[in-house]
Amino acid sequence: MCRPAVNGKPLGAFAIVRELNAIGGRNAIGRIDMVENRFVGMKSRGVYEAPGMTILYAAHRLSSS
């Protein structure tokens, strides 16, 4: 079984997300700007950042295909 690592350095789950957040943040990965329809009939605009999870999701999709 392979131990998860980032750039060849084995890390635990929290450390992986923290490291990927730093890497993704420096490279503008994981910024999402969306407009949502609210239940009461108004629109809301939100900007979300999740660089580490965006990288993990892309890596998972690549390894699964």
C-alpha atoms as a PDB file:
ATOM      1  CA  MET A   1       0.000   0.000   0.000  1.00  0.00           C
ATOM      2  CA  CYS A   2       1.262   3.461  -0.905  1.00  0.00           C
ATOM      3  CA  ARG A   3       1.457   6.156   1.773  1.00  0.00           C
ATOM      4  CA  PRO A   4       0.000   9.485   0.588  1.00  0.00           C
ATOM      5  CA  ALA A   5       2.643  12.102  -0.131  1.00  0.00           C
ATOM      6  CA  VAL A   6       3.027  15.601  -1.549  1.00  0.00           C
ATOM      7  CA  ASN A   7       6.174  16.256  -3.601  1.00  0.00           C
ATOM      8  CA  GLY A   8       7.619  12.964  -2.350  1.00  0.00           C
ATOM      9  CA  LYS A   9       7.135  13.829   1.332  1.00  0.00           C
ATOM     10  CA  PRO A  10       4.782  11.416   3.178  1.00  0.00           C
ATOM     11  CA  LEU A  11       2.138  13.335   5.143  1.00  0.00           C
ATOM     12  CA  GLY A  12      -1.035  12.720   7.123  1.00  0.00           C
ATOM     13  CA  ALA A  13      -4.459  13.819   5.893  1.00  0.00           C
ATOM     14  CA  PHE A  14      -4.527  17.248   7.581  1.00  0.00           C
ATOM     15  CA  ALA A  15      -0.932  18.017   6.572  1.00  0.00           C
ATOM     16  CA  ILE A  16      -1.699  17.082   2.949  1.00  0.00           C
ATOM     17  CA  VAL A  17      -4.642  19.506   2.778  1.00  0.00           C
ATOM     18  CA  ARG A  18      -2.602  22.238   4.490  1.00  0.00           C
ATOM     19  CA  GLU A  19       0.302  21.762   2.036  1.00  0.00           C
ATOM     20  CA  LEU A  20      -1.987  21.647  -0.994  1.00  0.00           C
ATOM     21  CA  ASN A  21      -3.769  24.802   0.235  1.00  0.00           C
ATOM     22  CA  ALA A  22      -0.404  26.587   0.284  1.00  0.00           C
ATOM     23  CA  ILE A  23       0.599  25.317  -3.169  1.00  0.00           C
ATOM     24  CA  GLY A  24      -2.825  25.957  -4.721  1.00  0.00           C
ATOM     25  CA  GLY A  25      -3.139  29.384  -3.115  1.00  0.00           C
ATOM     26  CA  ARG A  26       0.163  30.510  -4.620  1.00  0.00           C
ATOM     27  CA  ASN A  27      -1.059  29.407  -8.058  1.00  0.00           C
ATOM     28  CA  ALA A  28      -4.659  30.735  -7.915  1.00  0.00           C
ATOM     29  CA  ILE A  29      -6.213  27.247  -7.963  1.00  0.00           C
ATOM     30  CA  GLY A  30      -9.608  26.626  -6.424  1.00  0.00           C
ATOM     31  CA  ARG A  31     -11.252  30.049  -6.590  1.00  0.00           C
ATOM     32  CA  ILE A  32     -14.939  29.720  -7.407  1.00  0.00           C
ATOM     33  CA  ASP A  33     -17.203  32.696  -8.107  1.00  0.00           C
ATOM     34  CA  MET A  34     -20.872  31.737  -8.258  1.00  0.00           C
ATOM     35  CA  VAL A  35     -24.301  33.318  -8.274  1.00  0.00           C
ATOM     36  CA  GLU A  36     -26.926  31.370  -6.366  1.00  0.00           C
ATOM     37  CA  ASN A  37     -30.708  31.619  -6.319  1.00  0.00           C
ATOM     38  CA  ARG A  38     -31.960  31.820  -2.751  1.00  0.00           C
ATOM     39  CA  PHE A  39     -35.203  30.269  -1.532  1.00  0.00           C
ATOM     40  CA  VAL A  40     -36.793  33.679  -0.930  1.00  0.00           C
ATOM     41  CA  GLY A  41     -36.357  34.707  -4.575  1.00  0.00           C
ATOM     42  CA  MET A  42     -33.206  36.781  -4.426  1.00  0.00           C
ATOM     43  CA  LYS A  43     -29.794  36.119  -5.895  1.00  0.00           C
ATOM     44  CA  SER A  44     -26.630  35.910  -3.876  1.00  0.00           C
ATOM     45  CA  ARG A  45     -23.063  36.091  -5.143  1.00  0.00           C
ATOM     46  CA  GLY A  46     -20.304  34.271  -3.318  1.00  0.00           C
ATOM     47  CA  VAL A  47     -16.610  33.719  -3.817  1.00  0.00           C
ATOM     48  CA  TYR A  48     -15.258  30.515  -2.320  1.00  0.00           C
ATOM     49  CA  GLU A  49     -11.687  29.289  -2.024  1.00  0.00           C
ATOM     50  CA  ALA A  50     -10.744  25.643  -1.628  1.00  0.00           C
ATOM     51  CA  PRO A  51      -7.359  25.149  -3.316  1.00  0.00           C
ATOM     52  CA  GLY A  52      -6.338  21.993  -1.452  1.00  0.00           C
ATOM     53  CA  MET A  53      -9.598  20.180  -2.033  1.00  0.00           C
ATOM     54  CA  THR A  54      -9.687  21.245  -5.700  1.00  0.00           C
ATOM     55  CA  ILE A  55      -6.246  19.687  -6.216  1.00  0.00           C
ATOM     56  CA  LEU A  56      -7.245  16.513  -4.320  1.00  0.00           C
ATOM     57  CA  TYR A  57     -10.425  16.191  -6.382  1.00  0.00           C
ATOM     58  CA  ALA A  58      -8.507  16.575  -9.665  1.00  0.00           C
ATOM     59  CA  ALA A  59      -5.895  14.030  -8.526  1.00  0.00           C
ATOM     60  CA  HIS A  60      -8.611  11.564  -7.556  1.00  0.00           C
ATOM     61  CA  ARG A  61     -10.340  11.923 -10.922  1.00  0.00           C
ATOM     62  CA  LEU A  62      -7.044  11.396 -12.767  1.00  0.00           C
ATOM     63  CA  SER A  63      -6.160   8.312 -10.737  1.00  0.00           C
ATOM     64  CA  SER A  64      -9.640   6.800 -11.166  1.00  0.00           C
ATOM     65  CA  SER A  65      -9.794   7.068 -14.957  1.00  0.00           C
END
